[in-house]
Amino acid sequence: MEAALDSGAKVKHIILVHGVCHGGWSWYKVAAGLRSAAAAAGHAYRVHAPDLAASGIDDRRLPEVATFSEYTGPLLDALRSLPAGEKAVHGEGNWVSLLDNGMKPQDADGRLPASFMFGPQFIQQKLYQLCSSEDITLAKSLMRVGSLFLEDLQARQPFTEERYGSVRKVYVVCKQDVTIPEAYQMLMVAKNPVDEVREIDGADHMAMLSAPEQVVKCILDIAEKYK
């Protein structure tokens, strides 16, 4: 059964932002679930999971991406293209989307960012420990070398209350995350207050793969509450 969207409803865009070494592919379950759930409920949502620079199927290599601004360029381009009031971002986008207002590109002085890659045991035991063997195999096949761009970020001015503080934020705790344990997640929240904290039980670090139905429900609830 299909449900048509309200033709008079304002379209909302949900942008799913992948983590380091990953790509938009990591959101495949949630993206499909969001589209199906939104259509069934008659919500006017569009879902996009862009590949950041040198990630997913983006054809750049990491040595060609010197700064965090370059890395997040595809996301910022997507955000700039949206009309005001049509943005709902999940994942790293909680703070990446603020760069367009709060940060400007800086010269990397020819230095390459420090890079790393998750090893197969770390993937299976720390990142994906609650995921299916199929998703673990997919990740090992599609992951690429990545960077946290720490040197670049440390050289920048901190976020301001005027800009960063003006954006409403929800943090979702992944209860079984052993990469970033729950206690440390709550410490991050304490140091960077948000409007609301939610929890997903049965979710490891890759909640979009280990608990996709709960993530879909959580995102749709948040999008409706803070629209």
C-alpha atoms as a PDB file:
ATOM      1  CA  MET A   1       0.000   0.000   0.000  1.00  0.00           C
ATOM      2  CA  GLU A   2       1.299   3.438  -0.869  1.00  0.00           C
ATOM      3  CA  ALA A   3       0.584   6.727   0.849  1.00  0.00           C
ATOM      4  CA  ALA A   4       0.942   9.944  -1.101  1.00  0.00           C
ATOM      5  CA  LEU A   5       2.718  12.905   0.465  1.00  0.00           C
ATOM      6  CA  ASP A   6       0.680  15.969   1.253  1.00  0.00           C
ATOM      7  CA  SER A   7       1.266  18.152  -1.794  1.00  0.00           C
ATOM      8  CA  GLY A   8       1.016  21.269   0.354  1.00  0.00           C
ATOM      9  CA  ALA A   9       3.515  20.120   2.974  1.00  0.00           C
ATOM     10  CA  LYS A  10       6.933  21.744   3.158  1.00  0.00           C
ATOM     11  CA  VAL A  11       9.629  19.222   2.244  1.00  0.00           C
ATOM     12  CA  LYS A  12      12.133  18.433   4.993  1.00  0.00           C
ATOM     13  CA  HIS A  13      15.543  17.030   4.170  1.00  0.00           C
ATOM     14  CA  ILE A  14      17.166  14.473   6.446  1.00  0.00           C
ATOM     15  CA  ILE A  15      20.907  14.341   5.830  1.00  0.00           C
ATOM     16  CA  LEU A  16      22.710  11.278   7.176  1.00  0.00           C
ATOM     17  CA  VAL A  17      26.423  11.877   7.734  1.00  0.00           C
ATOM     18  CA  HIS A  18      28.802   8.920   7.862  1.00  0.00           C
ATOM     19  CA  GLY A  19      31.717   8.472  10.221  1.00  0.00           C
ATOM     20  CA  VAL A  20      35.434   8.323   9.553  1.00  0.00           C
ATOM     21  CA  CYS A  21      36.613   5.590   7.135  1.00  0.00           C
ATOM     22  CA  HIS A  22      33.004   4.990   6.084  1.00  0.00           C
ATOM     23  CA  GLY A  23      30.735   6.347   3.349  1.00  0.00           C
ATOM     24  CA  GLY A  24      27.104   7.009   2.633  1.00  0.00           C
ATOM     25  CA  TRP A  25      26.747   3.252   2.119  1.00  0.00           C
ATOM     26  CA  SER A  26      26.773   2.736   5.909  1.00  0.00           C
ATOM     27  CA  TRP A  27      23.306   4.321   6.098  1.00  0.00           C
ATOM     28  CA  TYR A  28      21.674   2.009   3.551  1.00  0.00           C
ATOM     29  CA  LYS A  29      19.291   0.362   6.026  1.00  0.00           C
ATOM     30  CA  VAL A  30      18.246   3.610   7.700  1.00  0.00           C
ATOM     31  CA  ALA A  31      17.902   5.532   4.427  1.00  0.00           C
ATOM     32  CA  ALA A  32      15.584   2.865   3.022  1.00  0.00           C
ATOM     33  CA  GLY A  33      13.670   2.647   6.296  1.00  0.00           C
ATOM     34  CA  LEU A  34      13.208   6.406   6.529  1.00  0.00           C
ATOM     35  CA  ARG A  35      11.909   6.656   2.979  1.00  0.00           C
ATOM     36  CA  SER A  36       9.437   3.826   3.523  1.00  0.00           C
ATOM     37  CA  ALA A  37       8.241   5.087   6.910  1.00  0.00           C
ATOM     38  CA  ALA A  38       7.905   8.674   5.745  1.00  0.00           C
ATOM     39  CA  ALA A  39       5.934   7.668   2.650  1.00  0.00           C
ATOM     40  CA  ALA A  40       3.633   5.408   4.661  1.00  0.00           C
ATOM     41  CA  ALA A  41       2.934   8.189   7.167  1.00  0.00           C
ATOM     42  CA  GLY A  42       2.536  10.883   4.525  1.00  0.00           C
ATOM     43  CA  HIS A  43       5.535  12.883   5.746  1.00  0.00           C
ATOM     44  CA  ALA A  44       7.264  15.160   3.240  1.00  0.00           C
ATOM     45  CA  TYR A  45      10.842  14.048   3.894  1.00  0.00           C
ATOM     46  CA  ARG A  46      13.739  13.552   1.509  1.00  0.00           C
ATOM     47  CA  VAL A  47      16.721  11.498   2.662  1.00  0.00           C
ATOM     48  CA  HIS A  48      20.304  12.005   1.491  1.00  0.00           C
ATOM     49  CA  ALA A  49      23.505  10.243   2.638  1.00  0.00           C
ATOM     50  CA  PRO A  50      26.386  12.012   0.857  1.00  0.00           C
ATOM     51  CA  ASP A  51      29.932  10.696   0.593  1.00  0.00           C
ATOM     52  CA  LEU A  52      32.395  13.111   2.164  1.00  0.00           C
ATOM     53  CA  ALA A  53      35.670  13.794   0.356  1.00  0.00           C
ATOM     54  CA  ALA A  54      37.868  10.701  -0.128  1.00  0.00           C
ATOM     55  CA  SER A  55      35.078   8.536   1.315  1.00  0.00           C
ATOM     56  CA  GLY A  56      32.649   6.019  -0.151  1.00  0.00           C
ATOM     57  CA  ILE A  57      32.684   6.359  -3.922  1.00  0.00           C
ATOM     58  CA  ASP A  58      34.138   9.883  -3.914  1.00  0.00           C
ATOM     59  CA  ASP A  59      37.036   9.609  -6.359  1.00  0.00           C
ATOM     60  CA  ARG A  60      39.518  11.697  -4.354  1.00  0.00           C
ATOM     61  CA  ARG A  61      42.293  10.097  -2.314  1.00  0.00           C
ATOM     62  CA  LEU A  62      42.959  11.215   1.253  1.00  0.00           C
ATOM     63  CA  PRO A  63      46.313  12.884   0.382  1.00  0.00           C
ATOM     64  CA  GLU A  64      44.294  15.203  -1.873  1.00  0.00           C
ATOM     65  CA  VAL A  65      42.141  16.334   1.085  1.00  0.00           C
ATOM     66  CA  ALA A  66      44.272  18.539   3.330  1.00  0.00           C
ATOM     67  CA  THR A  67      41.716  20.154   5.649  1.00  0.00           C
ATOM     68  CA  PHE A  68      38.499  19.387   7.471  1.00  0.00           C
ATOM     69  CA  SER A  69      36.725  21.990   5.351  1.00  0.00           C
ATOM     70  CA  GLU A  70      37.744  20.125   2.197  1.00  0.00           C
ATOM     71  CA  TYR A  71      36.687  16.821   3.759  1.00  0.00           C
ATOM     72  CA  THR A  72      33.218  18.138   4.593  1.00  0.00           C
ATOM     73  CA  GLY A  73      32.869  20.030   1.308  1.00  0.00           C
ATOM     74  CA  PRO A  74      30.265  17.650  -0.202  1.00  0.00           C
ATOM     75  CA  LEU A  75      28.109  17.998   2.909  1.00  0.00           C
ATOM     76  CA  LEU A  76      28.375  21.778   2.981  1.00  0.00           C
ATOM     77  CA  ASP A  77      27.512  21.945  -0.715  1.00  0.00           C
ATOM     78  CA  ALA A  78      24.403  19.868  -0.030  1.00  0.00           C
ATOM     79  CA  LEU A  79      23.420  22.091   2.894  1.00  0.00           C
ATOM     80  CA  ARG A  80      23.923  25.305   0.958  1.00  0.00           C
ATOM     81  CA  SER A  81      21.642  24.028  -1.793  1.00  0.00           C
ATOM     82  CA  LEU A  82      18.692  23.587   0.578  1.00  0.00           C
ATOM     83  CA  PRO A  83      16.127  26.309   1.247  1.00  0.00           C
ATOM     84  CA  ALA A  84      16.169  27.732   4.763  1.00  0.00           C
ATOM     85  CA  GLY A  85      14.118  25.706   7.218  1.00  0.00           C
ATOM     86  CA  GLU A  86      14.422  22.418   5.326  1.00  0.00           C
ATOM     87  CA  LYS A  87      17.382  20.913   7.160  1.00  0.00           C
ATOM     88  CA  ALA A  88      17.422  18.034   9.622  1.00  0.00           C
ATOM     89  CA  VAL A  89      20.868  16.486  10.029  1.00  0.00           C
ATOM     90  CA  HIS A  90      21.886  13.275  11.825  1.00  0.00           C
ATOM     91  CA  GLY A  91      25.317  11.900  12.660  1.00  0.00           C
ATOM     92  CA  GLU A  92      28.499  13.955  12.475  1.00  0.00           C
ATOM     93  CA  GLY A  93      26.391  16.619  10.803  1.00  0.00           C
ATOM     94  CA  ASN A  94      25.302  17.764  14.271  1.00  0.00           C
ATOM     95  CA  TRP A  95      28.444  19.835  14.295  1.00  0.00           C
ATOM     96  CA  VAL A  96      29.792  19.629  10.769  1.00  0.00           C
ATOM     97  CA  SER A  97      26.837  21.596   9.433  1.00  0.00           C
ATOM     98  CA  LEU A  98      27.886  24.510  11.625  1.00  0.00           C
ATOM     99  CA  LEU A  99      31.219  24.929   9.855  1.00  0.00           C
ATOM    100  CA  ASP A 100      29.598  26.842   7.036  1.00  0.00           C
ATOM    101  CA  ASN A 101      28.660  29.592   9.504  1.00  0.00           C
ATOM    102  CA  GLY A 102      31.424  29.333  12.062  1.00  0.00           C
ATOM    103  CA  MET A 103      34.626  28.318  10.259  1.00  0.00           C
ATOM    104  CA  LYS A 104      36.531  29.294   7.164  1.00  0.00           C
ATOM    105  CA  PRO A 105      39.006  27.147   5.195  1.00  0.00           C
ATOM    106  CA  GLN A 106      42.616  27.422   6.328  1.00  0.00           C
ATOM    107  CA  ASP A 107      45.827  26.782   4.463  1.00  0.00           C
ATOM    108  CA  ALA A 108      47.260  23.400   5.427  1.00  0.00           C
ATOM    109  CA  ASP A 109      50.811  24.613   4.572  1.00  0.00           C
ATOM    110  CA  GLY A 110      51.330  21.563   2.392  1.00  0.00           C
ATOM    111  CA  ARG A 111      50.994  19.183   5.348  1.00  0.00           C
ATOM    112  CA  LEU A 112      48.996  15.991   4.952  1.00  0.00           C
ATOM    113  CA  PRO A 113      46.533  14.972   7.676  1.00  0.00           C
ATOM    114  CA  ALA A 114      47.392  12.048   9.934  1.00  0.00           C
ATOM    115  CA  SER A 115      45.524   9.001   8.655  1.00  0.00           C
ATOM    116  CA  PHE A 116      44.433   5.613   9.950  1.00  0.00           C
ATOM    117  CA  MET A 117      42.347   2.558   9.107  1.00  0.00           C
ATOM    118  CA  PHE A 118      40.345   0.281  11.402  1.00  0.00           C
ATOM    119  CA  GLY A 119      41.766  -3.233  11.562  1.00  0.00           C
ATOM    120  CA  PRO A 120      39.567  -6.296  10.927  1.00  0.00           C
ATOM    121  CA  GLN A 121      39.522  -7.389  14.582  1.00  0.00           C
ATOM    122  CA  PHE A 122      38.675  -3.890  15.810  1.00  0.00           C
ATOM    123  CA  ILE A 123      35.853  -3.683  13.286  1.00  0.00           C
ATOM    124  CA  GLN A 124      34.380  -6.986  14.386  1.00  0.00           C
ATOM    125  CA  GLN A 125      34.902  -6.643  18.151  1.00  0.00           C
ATOM    126  CA  LYS A 126      34.582  -2.889  18.809  1.00  0.00           C
ATOM    127  CA  LEU A 127      32.667  -1.152  16.018  1.00  0.00           C
ATOM    128  CA  TYR A 128      30.342  -3.832  14.658  1.00  0.00           C
ATOM    129  CA  GLN A 129      30.091  -6.325  17.522  1.00  0.00           C
ATOM    130  CA  LEU A 130      26.270  -6.444  17.332  1.00  0.00           C
ATOM    131  CA  CYS A 131      26.055  -6.267  13.543  1.00  0.00           C
ATOM    132  CA  SER A 132      25.411  -9.149  11.176  1.00  0.00           C
ATOM    133  CA  SER A 133      28.265 -11.024   9.541  1.00  0.00           C
ATOM    134  CA  GLU A 134      27.022  -9.650   6.215  1.00  0.00           C
ATOM    135  CA  ASP A 135      27.394  -6.048   7.396  1.00  0.00           C
ATOM    136  CA  ILE A 136      30.840  -6.776   8.823  1.00  0.00           C
ATOM    137  CA  THR A 137      31.900  -8.220   5.468  1.00  0.00           C
ATOM    138  CA  LEU A 138      30.456  -5.192   3.682  1.00  0.00           C
ATOM    139  CA  ALA A 139      32.359  -2.818   5.954  1.00  0.00           C
ATOM    140  CA  LYS A 140      35.664  -4.617   5.493  1.00  0.00           C
ATOM    141  CA  SER A 141      35.153  -4.395   1.724  1.00  0.00           C
ATOM    142  CA  LEU A 142      34.148  -0.731   1.518  1.00  0.00           C
ATOM    143  CA  MET A 143      36.014   1.090   4.287  1.00  0.00           C
ATOM    144  CA  ARG A 144      38.740   3.505   3.209  1.00  0.00           C
ATOM    145  CA  VAL A 145      41.681   5.140   4.966  1.00  0.00           C
ATOM    146  CA  GLY A 146      40.417   8.179   6.867  1.00  0.00           C
ATOM    147  CA  SER A 147      41.461  11.050   9.115  1.00  0.00           C
ATOM    148  CA  LEU A 148      40.056  12.942  12.093  1.00  0.00           C
ATOM    149  CA  PHE A 149      41.861  16.105  10.906  1.00  0.00           C
ATOM    150  CA  LEU A 150      42.827  16.830  14.507  1.00  0.00           C
ATOM    151  CA  GLU A 151      45.700  19.169  13.673  1.00  0.00           C
ATOM    152  CA  ASP A 152      43.441  21.263  11.470  1.00  0.00           C
ATOM    153  CA  LEU A 153      40.612  21.407  14.006  1.00  0.00           C
ATOM    154  CA  GLN A 154      42.930  22.268  16.905  1.00  0.00           C
ATOM    155  CA  ALA A 155      44.156  25.320  15.000  1.00  0.00           C
ATOM    156  CA  ARG A 156      40.659  26.742  14.584  1.00  0.00           C
ATOM    157  CA  GLN A 157      38.634  29.028  16.797  1.00  0.00           C
ATOM    158  CA  PRO A 158      36.172  27.254  19.124  1.00  0.00           C
ATOM    159  CA  PHE A 159      32.456  27.256  18.383  1.00  0.00           C
ATOM    160  CA  THR A 160      30.579  30.246  19.776  1.00  0.00           C
ATOM    161  CA  GLU A 161      27.330  30.425  21.703  1.00  0.00           C
ATOM    162  CA  GLU A 162      26.014  32.823  19.076  1.00  0.00           C
ATOM    163  CA  ARG A 163      26.413  30.307  16.249  1.00  0.00           C
ATOM    164  CA  TYR A 164      26.778  26.788  17.661  1.00  0.00           C
ATOM    165  CA  GLY A 165      24.513  27.563  20.597  1.00  0.00           C
ATOM    166  CA  SER A 166      21.713  28.730  18.326  1.00  0.00           C
ATOM    167  CA  VAL A 167      21.267  25.263  16.773  1.00  0.00           C
ATOM    168  CA  ARG A 168      18.972  22.789  18.532  1.00  0.00           C
ATOM    169  CA  LYS A 169      20.711  19.483  19.168  1.00  0.00           C
ATOM    170  CA  VAL A 170      19.700  15.996  20.288  1.00  0.00           C
ATOM    171  CA  TYR A 171      22.248  13.398  21.392  1.00  0.00           C
ATOM    172  CA  VAL A 172      21.356   9.727  21.006  1.00  0.00           C
ATOM    173  CA  VAL A 173      23.200   7.382  23.361  1.00  0.00           C
ATOM    174  CA  CYS A 174      24.097   3.988  21.888  1.00  0.00           C
ATOM    175  CA  LYS A 175      23.899   1.825  24.991  1.00  0.00           C
ATOM    176  CA  GLN A 176      26.167  -1.009  23.832  1.00  0.00           C
ATOM    177  CA  ASP A 177      28.804   1.141  22.128  1.00  0.00           C
ATOM    178  CA  VAL A 178      32.203  -0.173  23.253  1.00  0.00           C
ATOM    179  CA  THR A 179      34.153   2.207  21.013  1.00  0.00           C
ATOM    180  CA  ILE A 180      32.766   5.233  22.873  1.00  0.00           C
ATOM    181  CA  PRO A 181      31.339   3.775  26.115  1.00  0.00           C
ATOM    182  CA  GLU A 182      28.108   5.182  27.523  1.00  0.00           C
ATOM    183  CA  ALA A 183      29.893   6.893  30.426  1.00  0.00           C
ATOM    184  CA  TYR A 184      32.123   8.795  28.009  1.00  0.00           C
ATOM    185  CA  GLN A 185      29.167   9.664  25.799  1.00  0.00           C
ATOM    186  CA  MET A 186      27.475  11.258  28.812  1.00  0.00           C
ATOM    187  CA  LEU A 187      30.678  13.141  29.616  1.00  0.00           C
ATOM    188  CA  MET A 188      30.625  14.570  26.088  1.00  0.00           C
ATOM    189  CA  VAL A 189      27.021  15.643  26.606  1.00  0.00           C
ATOM    190  CA  ALA A 190      27.914  17.296  29.923  1.00  0.00           C
ATOM    191  CA  LYS A 191      30.662  19.301  28.242  1.00  0.00           C
ATOM    192  CA  ASN A 192      28.511  20.126  25.203  1.00  0.00           C
ATOM    193  CA  PRO A 193      24.903  20.500  26.425  1.00  0.00           C
ATOM    194  CA  VAL A 194      22.068  19.527  24.098  1.00  0.00           C
ATOM    195  CA  ASP A 195      18.312  20.062  24.106  1.00  0.00           C
ATOM    196  CA  GLU A 196      17.526  16.396  24.667  1.00  0.00           C
ATOM    197  CA  VAL A 197      19.240  13.056  25.283  1.00  0.00           C
ATOM    198  CA  ARG A 198      17.724   9.848  23.925  1.00  0.00           C
ATOM    199  CA  GLU A 199      18.855   6.247  24.181  1.00  0.00           C
ATOM    200  CA  ILE A 200      18.893   3.248  21.872  1.00  0.00           C
ATOM    201  CA  ASP A 201      19.290  -0.061  23.664  1.00  0.00           C
ATOM    202  CA  GLY A 202      20.849  -2.897  21.698  1.00  0.00           C
ATOM    203  CA  ALA A 203      22.919  -0.521  19.543  1.00  0.00           C
ATOM    204  CA  ASP A 204      26.679  -0.756  19.121  1.00  0.00           C
ATOM    205  CA  HIS A 205      28.793   2.046  17.636  1.00  0.00           C
ATOM    206  CA  MET A 206      27.225   1.403  14.232  1.00  0.00           C
ATOM    207  CA  ALA A 207      23.631   1.825  15.389  1.00  0.00           C
ATOM    208  CA  MET A 208      22.475   2.451  11.825  1.00  0.00           C
ATOM    209  CA  LEU A 209      23.373  -1.173  11.063  1.00  0.00           C
ATOM    210  CA  SER A 210      22.842  -2.947  14.393  1.00  0.00           C
ATOM    211  CA  ALA A 211      19.540  -1.247  15.328  1.00  0.00           C
ATOM    212  CA  PRO A 212      18.227   0.381  12.119  1.00  0.00           C
ATOM    213  CA  GLU A 213      14.523   0.252  13.024  1.00  0.00           C
ATOM    214  CA  GLN A 214      15.162   2.080  16.291  1.00  0.00           C
ATOM    215  CA  VAL A 215      17.332   4.658  14.539  1.00  0.00           C
ATOM    216  CA  VAL A 216      14.613   5.285  11.939  1.00  0.00           C
ATOM    217  CA  LYS A 217      11.991   5.807  14.636  1.00  0.00           C
ATOM    218  CA  CYS A 218      14.307   8.044  16.631  1.00  0.00           C
ATOM    219  CA  ILE A 219      15.147  10.263  13.653  1.00  0.00           C
ATOM    220  CA  LEU A 220      11.518  10.618  12.591  1.00  0.00           C
ATOM    221  CA  ASP A 221      10.449  11.426  16.155  1.00  0.00           C
ATOM    222  CA  ILE A 222      13.148  14.082  16.445  1.00  0.00           C
ATOM    223  CA  ALA A 223      12.360  15.537  13.023  1.00  0.00           C
ATOM    224  CA  GLU A 224       8.690  15.881  13.962  1.00  0.00           C
ATOM    225  CA  LYS A 225       9.360  17.276  17.435  1.00  0.00           C
ATOM    226  CA  TYR A 226      11.844  19.920  16.318  1.00  0.00           C
ATOM    227  CA  LYS A 227      10.344  20.824  12.948  1.00  0.00           C
END
